Amino acid sequence: MELVLPGLGLTFWMVLVFGTLLFLLKKFAWKPILSALNERENSIEEALKSAELAREQMAKLQSDNEALYKQAREERDQILKEAREMKDNIINEAKRAAEDEGKRMIQKASDEISKQKAVAIAELKGQVASLSVNIAEKLISNQLSNSTEQQNIIANQVNNLNNNQQAIA
């Protein structure tokens, strides 16, 4: 069994070398290895925190972008609505101005027609007066003794007057 079980001296030296190796490893190697592992763990943790923070910021930026997009869309709709209202107001104002101008022109034409009518009536009255005077002069100058001849002359003058009125109208 000596082949399977080591001797006492060998076991002592193995324990002594193993203990020394453990002491040396603990004194010189474990601290740097553990500090490197802790450092690595901290850097991984910080990277995860940074990634989470970046994800949160991206989500916030995305929601901000959506809000800005929505606001821009609303502003665009508002501007388009105001532009339509302005267009309608301008069109309505132009229509009112055109109607007012048309009414003013019609009124001016109506006034001009009334003036021309008054002038024509005054001229017609003047002609009637002139014709009446002419009839009276002819009656007096001819000194007709017969009333039937006077009636014929008056009828002729009235017919001439009617013809003149129809020609003027």
N, C-alpha and C. Protein backbone atom coordinates (compact mmCIF):
# COMPACT_ATOMS: atom_id res chain seq x y z
N MET A 1 0.77 -1.17 0.00
CA MET A 1 0.00 0.00 0.00
C MET A 1 0.83 1.26 0.00
N GLU A 2 2.00 1.06 0.09
CA GLU A 2 2.90 2.19 0.07
C GLU A 2 2.85 2.92 -1.24
N LEU A 3 2.48 2.25 -2.23
CA LEU A 3 2.38 2.92 -3.51
C LEU A 3 1.18 3.84 -3.57
N VAL A 4 0.15 3.49 -2.89
CA VAL A 4 -1.06 4.30 -2.95
C VAL A 4 -0.98 5.43 -1.92
N LEU A 5 -0.48 5.16 -0.75
CA LEU A 5 -0.43 6.20 0.29
C LEU A 5 0.98 6.79 0.30
N PRO A 6 1.07 8.10 0.31
CA PRO A 6 2.40 8.69 0.37
C PRO A 6 2.98 8.59 1.79
N GLY A 7 4.24 8.77 1.85
CA GLY A 7 4.89 8.68 3.14
C GLY A 7 4.68 9.96 3.93
N LEU A 8 5.00 9.84 5.25
CA LEU A 8 4.78 10.95 6.16
C LEU A 8 5.69 12.12 5.80
N GLY A 9 6.88 11.92 5.45
CA GLY A 9 7.80 12.99 5.08
C GLY A 9 7.35 13.68 3.83
N LEU A 10 6.89 12.89 2.88
CA LEU A 10 6.40 13.47 1.63
C LEU A 10 5.16 14.30 1.92
N THR A 11 4.29 13.85 2.73
CA THR A 11 3.07 14.58 3.07
C THR A 11 3.43 15.87 3.78
N PHE A 12 4.43 15.84 4.68
CA PHE A 12 4.84 17.05 5.39
C PHE A 12 5.34 18.08 4.40
N TRP A 13 6.24 17.66 3.52
CA TRP A 13 6.78 18.60 2.55
C TRP A 13 5.70 19.10 1.59
N MET A 14 4.79 18.27 1.24
CA MET A 14 3.72 18.70 0.35
C MET A 14 2.85 19.74 1.06
N VAL A 15 2.53 19.52 2.33
CA VAL A 15 1.70 20.46 3.08
C VAL A 15 2.48 21.75 3.27
N LEU A 16 3.76 21.66 3.56
CA LEU A 16 4.59 22.84 3.76
C LEU A 16 4.69 23.63 2.46
N VAL A 17 4.93 23.01 1.34
CA VAL A 17 5.04 23.69 0.06
C VAL A 17 3.67 24.27 -0.32
N PHE A 18 2.60 23.52 -0.10
CA PHE A 18 1.27 24.00 -0.42
C PHE A 18 0.93 25.20 0.44
N GLY A 19 1.25 25.17 1.72
CA GLY A 19 0.98 26.30 2.62
C GLY A 19 1.78 27.51 2.21
N THR A 20 3.05 27.29 1.86
CA THR A 20 3.90 28.40 1.43
C THR A 20 3.35 28.99 0.14
N LEU A 21 2.96 28.10 -0.76
CA LEU A 21 2.38 28.57 -2.01
C LEU A 21 1.10 29.36 -1.75
N LEU A 22 0.26 28.88 -0.85
CA LEU A 22 -0.97 29.61 -0.51
C LEU A 22 -0.63 30.96 0.11
N PHE A 23 0.33 31.01 1.00
CA PHE A 23 0.73 32.25 1.65
C PHE A 23 1.24 33.23 0.61
N LEU A 24 2.12 32.79 -0.28
CA LEU A 24 2.67 33.65 -1.31
C LEU A 24 1.57 34.13 -2.28
N LEU A 25 0.69 33.19 -2.65
CA LEU A 25 -0.41 33.60 -3.54
C LEU A 25 -1.31 34.63 -2.86
N LYS A 26 -1.61 34.39 -1.57
CA LYS A 26 -2.46 35.32 -0.84
C LYS A 26 -1.77 36.66 -0.70
N LYS A 27 -0.50 36.65 -0.41
CA LYS A 27 0.24 37.88 -0.17
C LYS A 27 0.43 38.66 -1.46
N PHE A 28 0.77 38.01 -2.55
CA PHE A 28 1.14 38.74 -3.76
C PHE A 28 0.13 38.62 -4.91
N ALA A 29 -0.56 37.55 -5.10
CA ALA A 29 -1.37 37.35 -6.30
C ALA A 29 -2.86 37.56 -6.08
N TRP A 30 -3.39 37.16 -4.96
CA TRP A 30 -4.84 37.21 -4.78
C TRP A 30 -5.37 38.63 -4.71
N LYS A 31 -4.68 39.51 -4.05
CA LYS A 31 -5.15 40.90 -3.95
C LYS A 31 -5.23 41.54 -5.34
N PRO A 32 -4.17 41.44 -6.15
CA PRO A 32 -4.30 42.05 -7.48
C PRO A 32 -5.36 41.36 -8.33
N ILE A 33 -5.45 39.99 -8.20
CA ILE A 33 -6.45 39.27 -8.98
C ILE A 33 -7.85 39.67 -8.53
N LEU A 34 -8.09 39.72 -7.24
CA LEU A 34 -9.41 40.11 -6.71
C LEU A 34 -9.73 41.57 -7.03
N SER A 35 -8.71 42.43 -6.90
CA SER A 35 -8.97 43.84 -7.23
C SER A 35 -9.26 43.99 -8.73
N ALA A 36 -8.57 43.22 -9.57
CA ALA A 36 -8.85 43.26 -11.01
C ALA A 36 -10.25 42.74 -11.29
N LEU A 37 -10.64 41.64 -10.59
CA LEU A 37 -11.99 41.11 -10.76
C LEU A 37 -13.04 42.11 -10.28
N ASN A 38 -12.78 42.74 -9.14
CA ASN A 38 -13.72 43.76 -8.62
C ASN A 38 -13.81 44.95 -9.57
N GLU A 39 -12.64 45.34 -10.06
CA GLU A 39 -12.61 46.44 -11.02
C GLU A 39 -13.40 46.09 -12.27
N ARG A 40 -13.21 44.89 -12.75
CA ARG A 40 -13.92 44.41 -13.95
C ARG A 40 -15.42 44.36 -13.67
N GLU A 41 -15.79 43.86 -12.48
CA GLU A 41 -17.20 43.79 -12.10
C GLU A 41 -17.80 45.19 -12.03
N ASN A 42 -17.07 46.13 -11.45
CA ASN A 42 -17.55 47.52 -11.36
C ASN A 42 -17.69 48.16 -12.74
N SER A 43 -16.71 47.89 -13.62
CA SER A 43 -16.80 48.49 -14.95
C SER A 43 -17.97 47.90 -15.73
N ILE A 44 -18.21 46.59 -15.56
CA ILE A 44 -19.37 45.96 -16.23
C ILE A 44 -20.66 46.54 -15.66
N GLU A 45 -20.71 46.71 -14.34
CA GLU A 45 -21.90 47.28 -13.70
C GLU A 45 -22.14 48.71 -14.19
N GLU A 46 -21.06 49.50 -14.28
CA GLU A 46 -21.19 50.87 -14.76
C GLU A 46 -21.63 50.90 -16.23
N ALA A 47 -21.08 49.98 -17.02
CA ALA A 47 -21.48 49.91 -18.42
C ALA A 47 -22.96 49.57 -18.54
N LEU A 48 -23.44 48.64 -17.68
CA LEU A 48 -24.86 48.30 -17.69
C LEU A 48 -25.71 49.49 -17.27
N LYS A 49 -25.25 50.20 -16.23
CA LYS A 49 -25.98 51.39 -15.79
C LYS A 49 -25.99 52.44 -16.90
N SER A 50 -24.84 52.63 -17.55
CA SER A 50 -24.77 53.60 -18.65
C SER A 50 -25.69 53.19 -19.79
N ALA A 51 -25.73 51.91 -20.11
CA ALA A 51 -26.61 51.43 -21.17
C ALA A 51 -28.07 51.67 -20.81
N GLU A 52 -28.41 51.39 -19.55
CA GLU A 52 -29.80 51.62 -19.09
C GLU A 52 -30.13 53.11 -19.15
N LEU A 53 -29.19 53.94 -18.71
CA LEU A 53 -29.38 55.39 -18.75
C LEU A 53 -29.53 55.86 -20.20
N ALA A 54 -28.69 55.32 -21.08
CA ALA A 54 -28.78 55.68 -22.50
C ALA A 54 -30.13 55.25 -23.07
N ARG A 55 -30.59 54.07 -22.68
CA ARG A 55 -31.89 53.58 -23.17
C ARG A 55 -33.01 54.50 -22.68
N GLU A 56 -32.92 54.89 -21.40
CA GLU A 56 -33.93 55.81 -20.86
C GLU A 56 -33.90 57.15 -21.58
N GLN A 57 -32.67 57.64 -21.83
CA GLN A 57 -32.55 58.91 -22.55
C GLN A 57 -33.09 58.79 -23.98
N MET A 58 -32.81 57.67 -24.61
CA MET A 58 -33.34 57.45 -25.96
C MET A 58 -34.86 57.42 -25.95
N ALA A 59 -35.43 56.75 -24.94
CA ALA A 59 -36.89 56.70 -24.85
C ALA A 59 -37.45 58.10 -24.61
N LYS A 60 -36.77 58.86 -23.74
CA LYS A 60 -37.21 60.22 -23.46
C LYS A 60 -37.09 61.08 -24.72
N LEU A 61 -35.97 60.97 -25.42
CA LEU A 61 -35.79 61.73 -26.66
C LEU A 61 -36.83 61.35 -27.70
N GLN A 62 -37.13 60.06 -27.77
CA GLN A 62 -38.14 59.62 -28.73
C GLN A 62 -39.50 60.20 -28.37
N SER A 63 -39.85 60.19 -27.09
CA SER A 63 -41.14 60.76 -26.69
C SER A 63 -41.14 62.28 -26.92
N ASP A 64 -39.98 62.93 -26.65
CA ASP A 64 -39.89 64.36 -26.93
C ASP A 64 -40.03 64.64 -28.42
N ASN A 65 -39.39 63.80 -29.24
CA ASN A 65 -39.50 63.97 -30.69
C ASN A 65 -40.95 63.80 -31.15
N GLU A 66 -41.63 62.81 -30.59
CA GLU A 66 -43.03 62.60 -30.95
C GLU A 66 -43.88 63.79 -30.53
N ALA A 67 -43.59 64.32 -29.33
CA ALA A 67 -44.34 65.49 -28.85
C ALA A 67 -44.08 66.69 -29.76
N LEU A 68 -42.81 66.89 -30.13
CA LEU A 68 -42.47 68.00 -31.03
C LEU A 68 -43.13 67.81 -32.39
N TYR A 69 -43.13 66.58 -32.88
CA TYR A 69 -43.76 66.29 -34.17
C TYR A 69 -45.26 66.59 -34.10
N LYS A 70 -45.88 66.17 -33.00
CA LYS A 70 -47.31 66.43 -32.83
C LYS A 70 -47.58 67.93 -32.74
N GLN A 71 -46.73 68.64 -31.99
CA GLN A 71 -46.89 70.08 -31.85
C GLN A 71 -46.70 70.77 -33.21
N ALA A 72 -45.70 70.33 -33.96
CA ALA A 72 -45.46 70.91 -35.28
C ALA A 72 -46.64 70.66 -36.20
N ARG A 73 -47.20 69.46 -36.13
CA ARG A 73 -48.37 69.14 -36.94
C ARG A 73 -49.55 70.04 -36.55
N GLU A 74 -49.75 70.23 -35.25
CA GLU A 74 -50.84 71.10 -34.79
C GLU A 74 -50.62 72.53 -35.25
N GLU A 75 -49.36 73.01 -35.16
CA GLU A 75 -49.06 74.37 -35.60
C GLU A 75 -49.30 74.50 -37.10
N ARG A 76 -48.90 73.47 -37.87
CA ARG A 76 -49.12 73.50 -39.31
C ARG A 76 -50.61 73.57 -39.61
N ASP A 77 -51.40 72.73 -38.89
CA ASP A 77 -52.85 72.74 -39.10
C ASP A 77 -53.44 74.10 -38.75
N GLN A 78 -52.94 74.70 -37.67
CA GLN A 78 -53.43 76.01 -37.24
C GLN A 78 -53.09 77.07 -38.30
N ILE A 79 -51.86 77.01 -38.82
CA ILE A 79 -51.45 77.98 -39.84
C ILE A 79 -52.29 77.81 -41.10
N LEU A 80 -52.53 76.56 -41.50
CA LEU A 80 -53.36 76.31 -42.67
C LEU A 80 -54.79 76.82 -42.45
N LYS A 81 -55.30 76.61 -41.25
CA LYS A 81 -56.65 77.09 -40.93
C LYS A 81 -56.71 78.61 -41.02
N GLU A 82 -55.69 79.27 -40.44
CA GLU A 82 -55.65 80.73 -40.49
C GLU A 82 -55.52 81.22 -41.93
N ALA A 83 -54.72 80.50 -42.73
CA ALA A 83 -54.55 80.89 -44.13
C ALA A 83 -55.87 80.76 -44.87
N ARG A 84 -56.61 79.66 -44.61
CA ARG A 84 -57.92 79.50 -45.25
C ARG A 84 -58.86 80.61 -44.84
N GLU A 85 -58.86 80.94 -43.54
CA GLU A 85 -59.74 82.01 -43.06
C GLU A 85 -59.37 83.34 -43.70
N MET A 86 -58.05 83.60 -43.81
CA MET A 86 -57.61 84.85 -44.44
C MET A 86 -58.03 84.88 -45.90
N LYS A 87 -57.90 83.73 -46.58
CA LYS A 87 -58.30 83.66 -47.99
C LYS A 87 -59.79 83.95 -48.11
N ASP A 88 -60.59 83.30 -47.25
CA ASP A 88 -62.04 83.52 -47.30
C ASP A 88 -62.37 84.98 -47.01
N ASN A 89 -61.68 85.56 -46.01
CA ASN A 89 -61.94 86.97 -45.68
C ASN A 89 -61.58 87.88 -46.84
N ILE A 90 -60.45 87.60 -47.50
CA ILE A 90 -60.04 88.43 -48.63
C ILE A 90 -61.05 88.30 -49.76
N ILE A 91 -61.49 87.07 -50.04
CA ILE A 91 -62.47 86.86 -51.10
C ILE A 91 -63.78 87.57 -50.77
N ASN A 92 -64.24 87.41 -49.53
CA ASN A 92 -65.49 88.06 -49.12
C ASN A 92 -65.36 89.58 -49.19
N GLU A 93 -64.21 90.09 -48.76
CA GLU A 93 -63.98 91.54 -48.80
C GLU A 93 -63.98 92.02 -50.25
N ALA A 94 -63.35 91.25 -51.12
CA ALA A 94 -63.32 91.63 -52.55
C ALA A 94 -64.73 91.60 -53.13
N LYS A 95 -65.52 90.58 -52.75
CA LYS A 95 -66.90 90.50 -53.23
C LYS A 95 -67.70 91.71 -52.74
N ARG A 96 -67.55 92.02 -51.45
CA ARG A 96 -68.28 93.17 -50.91
C ARG A 96 -67.86 94.46 -51.61
N ALA A 97 -66.56 94.60 -51.83
CA ALA A 97 -66.07 95.81 -52.49
C ALA A 97 -66.62 95.88 -53.91
N ALA A 98 -66.63 94.73 -54.60
CA ALA A 98 -67.16 94.71 -55.97
C ALA A 98 -68.66 95.03 -55.97
N GLU A 99 -69.39 94.46 -55.01
CA GLU A 99 -70.83 94.75 -54.92
C GLU A 99 -71.06 96.22 -54.62
N ASP A 100 -70.28 96.76 -53.68
CA ASP A 100 -70.42 98.18 -53.34
C ASP A 100 -70.11 99.06 -54.55
N GLU A 101 -69.03 98.70 -55.26
CA GLU A 101 -68.66 99.47 -56.45
C GLU A 101 -69.76 99.36 -57.50
N GLY A 102 -70.33 98.15 -57.67
CA GLY A 102 -71.42 97.95 -58.64
C GLY A 102 -72.64 98.78 -58.25
N LYS A 103 -72.98 98.75 -56.96
CA LYS A 103 -74.13 99.54 -56.50
C LYS A 103 -73.87 101.03 -56.71
N ARG A 104 -72.65 101.45 -56.43
CA ARG A 104 -72.31 102.86 -56.60
C ARG A 104 -72.39 103.25 -58.07
N MET A 105 -71.90 102.37 -58.94
CA MET A 105 -71.95 102.66 -60.37
C MET A 105 -73.40 102.67 -60.86
N ILE A 106 -74.22 101.73 -60.37
CA ILE A 106 -75.64 101.70 -60.74
C ILE A 106 -76.33 102.96 -60.26
N GLN A 107 -76.03 103.36 -59.01
CA GLN A 107 -76.63 104.58 -58.47
C GLN A 107 -76.20 105.80 -59.28
N LYS A 108 -74.92 105.83 -59.65
CA LYS A 108 -74.42 106.95 -60.44
C LYS A 108 -75.11 106.98 -61.81
N ALA A 109 -75.24 105.79 -62.42
CA ALA A 109 -75.92 105.71 -63.72
C ALA A 109 -77.39 106.12 -63.56
N SER A 110 -78.03 105.67 -62.48
CA SER A 110 -79.42 106.03 -62.23
C SER A 110 -79.57 107.54 -62.05
N ASP A 111 -78.64 108.12 -61.30
CA ASP A 111 -78.67 109.58 -61.11
C ASP A 111 -78.47 110.30 -62.44
N GLU A 112 -77.54 109.78 -63.25
CA GLU A 112 -77.28 110.39 -64.55
C GLU A 112 -78.53 110.28 -65.44
N ILE A 113 -79.18 109.11 -65.40
CA ILE A 113 -80.41 108.92 -66.18
C ILE A 113 -81.48 109.89 -65.71
N SER A 114 -81.59 110.05 -64.38
CA SER A 114 -82.59 110.99 -63.83
C SER A 114 -82.30 112.40 -64.30
N LYS A 115 -81.01 112.78 -64.29
CA LYS A 115 -80.64 114.13 -64.74
C LYS A 115 -80.97 114.30 -66.23
N GLN A 116 -80.61 113.27 -67.01
CA GLN A 116 -80.89 113.35 -68.45
C GLN A 116 -82.40 113.41 -68.69
N LYS A 117 -83.16 112.65 -67.90
CA LYS A 117 -84.61 112.66 -68.03
C LYS A 117 -85.17 114.05 -67.69
N ALA A 118 -84.64 114.63 -66.61
CA ALA A 118 -85.10 115.96 -66.21
C ALA A 118 -84.77 116.99 -67.29
N VAL A 119 -83.56 116.84 -67.86
CA VAL A 119 -83.17 117.76 -68.94
C VAL A 119 -84.09 117.58 -70.14
N ALA A 120 -84.36 116.29 -70.47
CA ALA A 120 -85.24 116.02 -71.62
C ALA A 120 -86.64 116.56 -71.37
N ILE A 121 -87.15 116.37 -70.15
CA ILE A 121 -88.49 116.89 -69.82
C ILE A 121 -88.51 118.40 -69.90
N ALA A 122 -87.45 119.04 -69.38
CA ALA A 122 -87.39 120.50 -69.44
C ALA A 122 -87.32 120.96 -70.89
N GLU A 123 -86.54 120.25 -71.69
CA GLU A 123 -86.44 120.59 -73.11
C GLU A 123 -87.78 120.38 -73.80
N LEU A 124 -88.44 119.28 -73.45
CA LEU A 124 -89.76 118.99 -74.02
C LEU A 124 -90.77 120.06 -73.63
N LYS A 125 -90.71 120.46 -72.35
CA LYS A 125 -91.62 121.53 -71.91
C LYS A 125 -91.35 122.82 -72.67
N GLY A 126 -90.06 123.07 -72.90
CA GLY A 126 -89.70 124.26 -73.68
C GLY A 126 -90.25 124.18 -75.09
N GLN A 127 -90.13 122.98 -75.71
CA GLN A 127 -90.65 122.80 -77.06
C GLN A 127 -92.17 122.93 -77.08
N VAL A 128 -92.83 122.34 -76.06
CA VAL A 128 -94.29 122.45 -75.97
C VAL A 128 -94.70 123.91 -75.84
N ALA A 129 -93.95 124.63 -74.97
CA ALA A 129 -94.27 126.05 -74.81
C ALA A 129 -94.05 126.80 -76.12
N SER A 130 -92.94 126.46 -76.78
CA SER A 130 -92.64 127.12 -78.06
C SER A 130 -93.71 126.80 -79.10
N LEU A 131 -94.11 125.52 -79.15
CA LEU A 131 -95.16 125.13 -80.08
C LEU A 131 -96.49 125.81 -79.74
N SER A 132 -96.75 125.88 -78.45
CA SER A 132 -98.00 126.56 -78.04
C SER A 132 -97.99 128.02 -78.48
N VAL A 133 -96.83 128.64 -78.32
CA VAL A 133 -96.72 130.04 -78.73
C VAL A 133 -96.88 130.13 -80.25
N ASN A 134 -96.24 129.18 -80.97
CA ASN A 134 -96.37 129.18 -82.44
C ASN A 134 -97.82 129.00 -82.86
N ILE A 135 -98.51 128.07 -82.19
CA ILE A 135 -99.93 127.84 -82.52
C ILE A 135 -100.73 129.11 -82.28
N ALA A 136 -100.45 129.72 -81.11
CA ALA A 136 -101.18 130.95 -80.80
C ALA A 136 -100.88 132.04 -81.81
N GLU A 137 -99.60 132.16 -82.24
CA GLU A 137 -99.24 133.17 -83.23
C GLU A 137 -99.94 132.91 -84.56
N LYS A 138 -99.95 131.63 -84.97
CA LYS A 138 -100.60 131.31 -86.24
C LYS A 138 -102.10 131.59 -86.17
N LEU A 139 -102.69 131.25 -85.00
CA LEU A 139 -104.12 131.52 -84.86
C LEU A 139 -104.40 133.01 -84.91
N ILE A 140 -103.59 133.73 -84.24
CA ILE A 140 -103.80 135.19 -84.20
C ILE A 140 -103.45 135.81 -85.55
N SER A 141 -102.34 135.35 -86.12
CA SER A 141 -101.92 135.96 -87.40
C SER A 141 -102.89 135.64 -88.53
N ASN A 142 -103.42 134.48 -88.55
CA ASN A 142 -104.36 134.12 -89.62
C ASN A 142 -105.75 134.72 -89.36
N GLN A 143 -106.04 134.97 -88.17
CA GLN A 143 -107.33 135.50 -87.75
C GLN A 143 -108.43 134.79 -88.50
N LEU A 144 -108.48 133.61 -88.20
CA LEU A 144 -109.47 132.78 -88.85
C LEU A 144 -110.85 133.10 -88.29
N SER A 145 -111.77 133.13 -89.20
CA SER A 145 -113.13 133.40 -88.78
C SER A 145 -113.87 132.13 -88.48
N ASN A 146 -113.38 131.06 -88.99
CA ASN A 146 -114.07 129.80 -88.87
C ASN A 146 -113.43 129.00 -87.74
N SER A 147 -114.27 128.51 -86.83
CA SER A 147 -113.73 127.73 -85.70
C SER A 147 -113.29 126.35 -86.15
N THR A 148 -113.86 125.82 -87.24
CA THR A 148 -113.43 124.51 -87.71
C THR A 148 -112.00 124.57 -88.22
N GLU A 149 -111.62 125.66 -88.85
CA GLU A 149 -110.24 125.79 -89.29
C GLU A 149 -109.30 125.89 -88.09
N GLN A 150 -109.72 126.55 -87.06
CA GLN A 150 -108.92 126.64 -85.84
C GLN A 150 -108.77 125.26 -85.22
N GLN A 151 -109.83 124.49 -85.25
CA GLN A 151 -109.79 123.13 -84.70
C GLN A 151 -108.80 122.28 -85.51
N ASN A 152 -108.82 122.40 -86.83
CA ASN A 152 -107.88 121.63 -87.68
C ASN A 152 -106.43 122.02 -87.41
N ILE A 153 -106.18 123.29 -87.29
CA ILE A 153 -104.81 123.77 -87.02
C ILE A 153 -104.34 123.23 -85.67
N ILE A 154 -105.20 123.31 -84.68
CA ILE A 154 -104.83 122.82 -83.34
C ILE A 154 -104.57 121.32 -83.40
N ALA A 155 -105.40 120.55 -84.10
CA ALA A 155 -105.22 119.10 -84.23
C ALA A 155 -103.90 118.80 -84.91
N ASN A 156 -103.58 119.56 -85.98
CA ASN A 156 -102.30 119.36 -86.68
C ASN A 156 -101.12 119.64 -85.75
N GLN A 157 -101.20 120.68 -84.97
CA GLN A 157 -100.11 121.03 -84.06
C GLN A 157 -99.96 119.98 -82.95
N VAL A 158 -101.10 119.47 -82.47
CA VAL A 158 -101.04 118.41 -81.45
C VAL A 158 -100.42 117.16 -82.04
N ASN A 159 -100.79 116.81 -83.28
CA ASN A 159 -100.18 115.63 -83.95
C ASN A 159 -98.68 115.84 -84.11
N ASN A 160 -98.27 117.06 -84.51
CA ASN A 160 -96.83 117.36 -84.62
C ASN A 160 -96.15 117.21 -83.27
N LEU A 161 -96.82 117.69 -82.22
CA LEU A 161 -96.27 117.57 -80.87
C LEU A 161 -96.13 116.11 -80.48
N ASN A 162 -97.15 115.28 -80.76
CA ASN A 162 -97.08 113.84 -80.45
C ASN A 162 -95.96 113.18 -81.23
N ASN A 163 -95.81 113.54 -82.50
CA ASN A 163 -94.73 112.98 -83.33
C ASN A 163 -93.36 113.37 -82.76
N ASN A 164 -93.23 114.61 -82.31
CA ASN A 164 -91.97 115.06 -81.73
C ASN A 164 -91.66 114.30 -80.44
N GLN A 165 -92.70 114.07 -79.64
CA GLN A 165 -92.50 113.33 -78.38
C GLN A 165 -92.09 111.89 -78.64
N GLN A 166 -92.70 111.29 -79.67
CA GLN A 166 -92.34 109.91 -80.00
C GLN A 166 -90.92 109.83 -80.56
N ALA A 167 -90.52 110.85 -81.29
CA ALA A 167 -89.16 110.88 -81.85
C ALA A 167 -88.14 111.05 -80.72
N ILE A 168 -88.47 111.82 -79.71
CA ILE A 168 -87.54 112.06 -78.59
C ILE A 168 -87.44 110.81 -77.73
N ALA A 169 -88.58 110.17 -77.52
CA ALA A 169 -88.61 108.97 -76.66
C ALA A 169 -87.86 107.87 -77.37
